[in-house]
Amino acid sequence: MVLRRSWVEQIMGLPISVLARGPGARTRRVEAVVREVFAELTEVDRVFSPYKADSAVSLLARGALTWDGVDPVVRTVAERCVAARELTGGLFDAQVPGGAWDPSGLVKGWAVEQAGELLRAVEDVDWCLNAGGDVLVVCPSNEPFTVGIQDPRDPGGVVAGLPRTGGAVATSGTAARGKHLYDPRSGGPVDTRWLSVSVTGPSLEYADVLATAAFVAGDDWRKVLLPGYEGLGVLADGTLSATAGWGQA
């Protein structure tokens, strides 16, 4: 029998779950790693949450902190947001309408990717880390986890399952962020017939950014994807449309 253990904590305003599978899944070492993962993500939330009055993002927004005074990690994320904007031709932008800086569209994937380094150091355990639908998979055994793609019309349902032995899956759309998604080109809500776009590839940071940019792009979403990344779009009538390598990614 394959040993499994799972943990869930509420961080960043969403459930973050960790599933460990393998001979070492119930050891104290694994428990310590999971605690460290949750601690890292909690610290990221403390610094970057736009909903916490004392976060760097909130302090910057109301002028109580200047860019000259931010911690190096904030500057690092800001630089990555600029790079993501350039990479997507402006379809992703951390500058929200009104001029505030909100890196939420990048920072979750970036933070989970960083925390994933802790998981990769445990060689006899497979991991599946799910941060509100953005998923990181690490499988030294090469036995896949099946990642469910949420049905944007039914939060309790799935439209597809994607076997993964490594890498990431991220989804952007009405089910994931709803009215919070906006089109940086117009400054208004995203206007598209697609309910969601999921992206899979080696990096969760990039998959998260590309999923957001692809959803904003509408019918041109496939053109946003980088080499090594595949996508699945869901239309309002439930029709699925995938890139050629989706199932093999």
Protein backbone atom coordinates (compact mmCIF):
# COMPACT_ATOMS: atom_id res chain seq x y z
CA MET A 1 0.00 0.00 0.00
CA VAL A 2 1.30 3.43 -0.96
CA LEU A 3 1.53 5.76 2.01
CA ARG A 4 -0.16 9.15 1.67
CA ARG A 5 -0.68 12.14 3.88
CA SER A 6 -2.26 15.51 3.21
CA TRP A 7 -2.36 18.93 4.87
CA VAL A 8 -4.51 22.02 4.19
CA GLU A 9 -4.10 25.57 5.45
CA GLN A 10 -5.87 28.81 4.56
CA ILE A 11 -3.23 31.22 3.23
CA MET A 12 -3.52 34.10 0.74
CA GLY A 13 -7.27 33.93 1.21
CA LEU A 14 -7.54 30.45 -0.32
CA PRO A 15 -7.02 26.81 0.65
CA ILE A 16 -3.49 25.57 0.06
CA SER A 17 -3.12 21.79 0.19
CA VAL A 18 -0.05 19.59 0.20
CA LEU A 19 -0.27 15.89 -0.64
CA ALA A 20 2.72 13.65 0.10
CA ARG A 21 2.94 10.13 -1.35
CA GLY A 22 5.61 7.50 -0.87
CA PRO A 23 7.65 5.63 1.75
CA GLY A 24 8.57 8.76 3.68
CA ALA A 25 5.16 10.45 3.53
CA ARG A 26 4.42 10.05 7.23
CA THR A 27 7.82 10.88 8.66
CA ARG A 28 8.74 13.80 10.89
CA ARG A 29 11.07 15.04 8.17
CA VAL A 30 8.12 15.44 5.79
CA GLU A 31 6.05 17.13 8.48
CA ALA A 32 8.88 19.62 9.01
CA VAL A 33 9.12 20.34 5.28
CA VAL A 34 5.38 20.97 5.03
CA ARG A 35 5.50 23.34 8.00
CA GLU A 36 8.32 25.22 6.28
CA VAL A 37 6.34 25.42 3.03
CA PHE A 38 3.32 26.88 4.83
CA ALA A 39 5.56 29.29 6.74
CA GLU A 40 7.13 30.56 3.49
CA LEU A 41 3.75 31.10 1.87
CA THR A 42 2.41 32.84 4.98
CA GLU A 43 5.35 35.25 4.88
CA VAL A 44 4.73 35.97 1.20
CA ASP A 45 1.10 36.73 2.03
CA ARG A 46 2.19 39.07 4.84
CA VAL A 47 4.38 41.04 2.44
CA PHE A 48 2.28 41.02 -0.73
CA SER A 49 -1.40 40.78 0.21
CA PRO A 50 -3.39 43.81 -0.99
CA TYR A 51 -5.94 42.97 1.74
CA LYS A 52 -3.55 43.40 4.69
CA ALA A 53 -3.18 47.01 5.80
CA ASP A 54 0.46 46.57 6.80
CA SER A 55 1.67 44.66 3.73
CA ALA A 56 4.23 46.25 1.45
CA VAL A 57 1.64 46.34 -1.34
CA SER A 58 -0.86 48.23 0.83
CA LEU A 59 1.76 50.59 2.22
CA LEU A 60 2.96 51.42 -1.29
CA ALA A 61 -0.63 51.99 -2.45
CA ARG A 62 -1.35 54.61 0.16
CA GLY A 63 2.07 56.26 0.02
CA ALA A 64 3.22 55.09 3.46
CA LEU A 65 6.18 53.30 1.85
CA THR A 66 8.35 54.32 -1.09
CA TRP A 67 10.12 52.05 -3.53
CA ASP A 68 13.43 53.17 -2.07
CA GLY A 69 12.41 51.62 1.23
CA VAL A 70 11.06 48.24 0.13
CA ASP A 71 12.65 44.93 1.03
CA PRO A 72 14.75 43.24 -1.68
CA VAL A 73 12.11 40.54 -2.18
CA VAL A 74 9.55 43.19 -3.13
CA ARG A 75 11.93 44.65 -5.67
CA THR A 76 12.57 41.15 -7.05
CA VAL A 77 8.85 40.53 -7.54
CA ALA A 78 8.40 43.97 -9.11
CA GLU A 79 11.16 43.19 -11.61
CA ARG A 80 9.54 39.86 -12.44
CA CYS A 81 6.21 41.61 -12.99
CA VAL A 82 7.85 43.99 -15.47
CA ALA A 83 9.44 41.02 -17.25
CA ALA A 84 6.04 39.27 -17.37
CA ARG A 85 4.41 42.35 -18.89
CA GLU A 86 7.08 42.47 -21.59
CA LEU A 87 6.88 38.71 -22.16
CA THR A 88 3.11 38.85 -22.73
CA GLY A 89 3.05 42.03 -24.77
CA GLY A 90 1.14 43.85 -22.03
CA LEU A 91 -1.57 41.22 -21.56
CA PHE A 92 -0.30 40.76 -18.02
CA ASP A 93 0.29 43.92 -15.99
CA ALA A 94 0.66 44.36 -12.23
CA GLN A 95 -0.35 48.02 -12.54
CA VAL A 96 -4.09 47.93 -12.02
CA PRO A 97 -6.58 50.58 -13.17
CA GLY A 98 -6.13 53.61 -10.97
CA GLY A 99 -2.37 53.20 -10.81
CA ALA A 100 -1.98 50.86 -7.82
CA TRP A 101 0.56 48.04 -7.95
CA ASP A 102 -0.93 44.57 -7.36
CA PRO A 103 1.39 41.63 -8.13
CA SER A 104 -1.20 39.00 -7.14
CA GLY A 105 -1.33 37.59 -10.68
CA LEU A 106 2.32 36.60 -10.44
CA VAL A 107 3.22 36.32 -6.80
CA LYS A 108 1.20 33.19 -5.98
CA GLY A 109 2.79 31.12 -8.72
CA TRP A 110 6.21 32.57 -7.94
CA ALA A 111 5.85 31.82 -4.22
CA VAL A 112 4.66 28.24 -4.74
CA GLU A 113 7.49 27.67 -7.22
CA GLN A 114 9.98 28.88 -4.59
CA ALA A 115 8.41 26.66 -1.93
CA GLY A 116 8.67 23.76 -4.35
CA GLU A 117 12.43 23.76 -3.89
CA LEU A 118 11.84 22.50 -0.36
CA LEU A 119 9.77 19.62 -1.72
CA ARG A 120 12.32 18.68 -4.38
CA ALA A 121 14.94 18.15 -1.67
CA VAL A 122 12.97 15.13 -0.36
CA GLU A 123 13.90 12.38 -2.80
CA ASP A 124 11.65 9.52 -1.63
CA VAL A 125 8.34 11.40 -1.62
CA ASP A 126 6.04 12.53 -4.42
CA TRP A 127 4.31 15.86 -3.88
CA CYS A 128 1.26 17.69 -5.18
CA LEU A 129 0.92 21.28 -3.93
CA ASN A 130 -2.38 22.93 -4.82
CA ALA A 131 -2.79 26.66 -4.19
CA GLY A 132 -6.39 27.43 -5.05
CA GLY A 133 -6.24 25.57 -8.36
CA ASP A 134 -2.65 26.44 -9.26
CA VAL A 135 -0.80 23.15 -8.92
CA LEU A 136 2.86 22.16 -8.60
CA VAL A 137 3.77 18.48 -9.02
CA VAL A 138 7.05 16.84 -7.97
CA CYS A 139 7.26 13.07 -8.58
CA PRO A 140 10.67 11.41 -8.07
CA SER A 141 8.90 8.04 -8.52
CA ASN A 142 7.70 9.08 -11.99
CA GLU A 143 4.19 7.91 -11.04
CA PRO A 144 1.81 10.68 -12.11
CA PHE A 145 -0.74 12.61 -10.14
CA THR A 146 -3.91 13.45 -12.07
CA VAL A 147 -4.63 17.18 -11.84
CA GLY A 148 -8.30 18.05 -12.22
CA ILE A 149 -9.21 21.12 -14.28
CA GLN A 150 -12.10 22.91 -12.56
CA ASP A 151 -15.34 23.39 -14.46
CA PRO A 152 -15.85 27.19 -14.56
CA ARG A 153 -19.63 26.62 -14.67
CA ASP A 154 -19.61 24.31 -11.63
CA PRO A 155 -16.96 24.92 -8.94
CA GLY A 156 -17.50 21.39 -7.64
CA GLY A 157 -16.90 19.75 -11.02
CA VAL A 158 -14.02 19.12 -13.37
CA VAL A 159 -13.86 19.26 -17.16
CA ALA A 160 -10.65 17.28 -17.62
CA GLY A 161 -7.93 15.38 -15.80
CA LEU A 162 -4.28 15.91 -16.67
CA PRO A 163 -1.67 13.32 -15.57
CA ARG A 164 1.55 15.05 -14.46
CA THR A 165 4.81 13.65 -13.10
CA GLY A 166 6.26 17.12 -12.69
CA GLY A 167 5.79 20.75 -13.56
CA ALA A 168 2.78 22.95 -13.07
CA VAL A 169 -0.83 23.67 -14.00
CA ALA A 170 -2.49 27.08 -13.60
CA THR A 171 -5.98 28.28 -14.49
CA SER A 172 -7.34 31.76 -15.07
CA GLY A 173 -10.94 32.71 -15.70
CA THR A 174 -14.34 33.44 -14.25
CA ALA A 175 -14.26 30.61 -11.71
CA ALA A 176 -10.78 31.49 -10.50
CA ARG A 177 -10.94 35.27 -10.20
CA GLY A 178 -14.18 36.47 -11.76
CA LYS A 179 -14.66 40.21 -11.95
CA HIS A 180 -11.14 40.83 -10.61
CA LEU A 181 -9.72 40.01 -14.03
CA TYR A 182 -9.26 43.06 -16.20
CA ASP A 183 -7.79 43.80 -19.60
CA PRO A 184 -4.69 46.00 -19.24
CA ARG A 185 -5.20 47.25 -22.79
CA SER A 186 -8.60 48.80 -22.05
CA GLY A 187 -8.50 49.11 -18.29
CA GLY A 188 -11.91 47.44 -18.13
CA PRO A 189 -13.15 43.92 -17.42
CA VAL A 190 -12.01 41.14 -19.72
CA ASP A 191 -14.47 40.73 -22.61
CA THR A 192 -14.22 37.16 -23.90
CA ARG A 193 -16.38 34.16 -24.76
CA TRP A 194 -13.93 31.90 -22.89
CA LEU A 195 -14.78 31.01 -19.29
CA SER A 196 -11.30 29.79 -18.43
CA VAL A 197 -7.88 28.96 -19.81
CA SER A 198 -5.57 26.46 -18.13
CA VAL A 199 -1.86 26.32 -18.88
CA THR A 200 0.62 23.56 -18.08
CA GLY A 201 4.40 23.62 -18.31
CA PRO A 202 7.61 23.39 -16.31
CA SER A 203 7.23 26.54 -14.17
CA LEU A 204 4.21 27.54 -12.09
CA GLU A 205 5.26 31.19 -12.13
CA TYR A 206 5.15 31.26 -15.92
CA ALA A 207 2.08 29.01 -16.17
CA ASP A 208 0.20 31.40 -13.87
CA VAL A 209 1.23 34.49 -15.83
CA LEU A 210 0.53 32.84 -19.18
CA ALA A 211 -2.90 31.63 -18.04
CA THR A 212 -3.85 35.18 -17.07
CA ALA A 213 -2.50 36.62 -20.32
CA ALA A 214 -4.16 33.89 -22.39
CA PHE A 215 -7.55 34.53 -20.79
CA VAL A 216 -7.20 38.25 -21.51
CA ALA A 217 -6.23 37.47 -25.12
CA GLY A 218 -9.57 35.76 -25.82
CA ASP A 219 -9.66 33.89 -29.12
CA ASP A 220 -5.95 34.52 -29.61
CA TRP A 221 -5.01 32.75 -26.37
CA ARG A 222 -2.90 30.07 -28.06
CA LYS A 223 -0.56 32.73 -29.44
CA VAL A 224 0.38 33.76 -25.90
CA LEU A 225 1.86 30.40 -24.92
CA LEU A 226 5.62 29.92 -24.80
CA PRO A 227 7.43 26.83 -26.14
CA GLY A 228 7.06 24.03 -23.62
CA TYR A 229 3.66 25.26 -22.42
CA GLU A 230 0.28 23.85 -23.47
CA GLY A 231 -3.25 25.09 -22.88
CA LEU A 232 -6.89 24.11 -22.50
CA GLY A 233 -9.71 26.61 -23.01
CA VAL A 234 -13.33 26.23 -21.88
CA LEU A 235 -16.12 28.06 -23.73
CA ALA A 236 -19.39 29.22 -22.20
CA ASP A 237 -21.25 26.20 -23.63
CA GLY A 238 -18.72 23.80 -22.11
CA THR A 239 -16.80 23.15 -25.32
CA LEU A 240 -13.14 22.32 -24.69
CA SER A 241 -10.32 23.43 -26.97
CA ALA A 242 -6.76 22.28 -26.32
CA THR A 243 -3.38 22.78 -27.92
CA ALA A 244 -1.90 19.76 -29.68
CA GLY A 245 0.44 18.80 -26.84
CA TRP A 246 -1.96 19.30 -23.93
CA GLY A 247 -2.23 15.64 -22.93
CA GLN A 248 1.46 14.96 -23.44
CA ALA A 249 2.84 18.05 -21.64
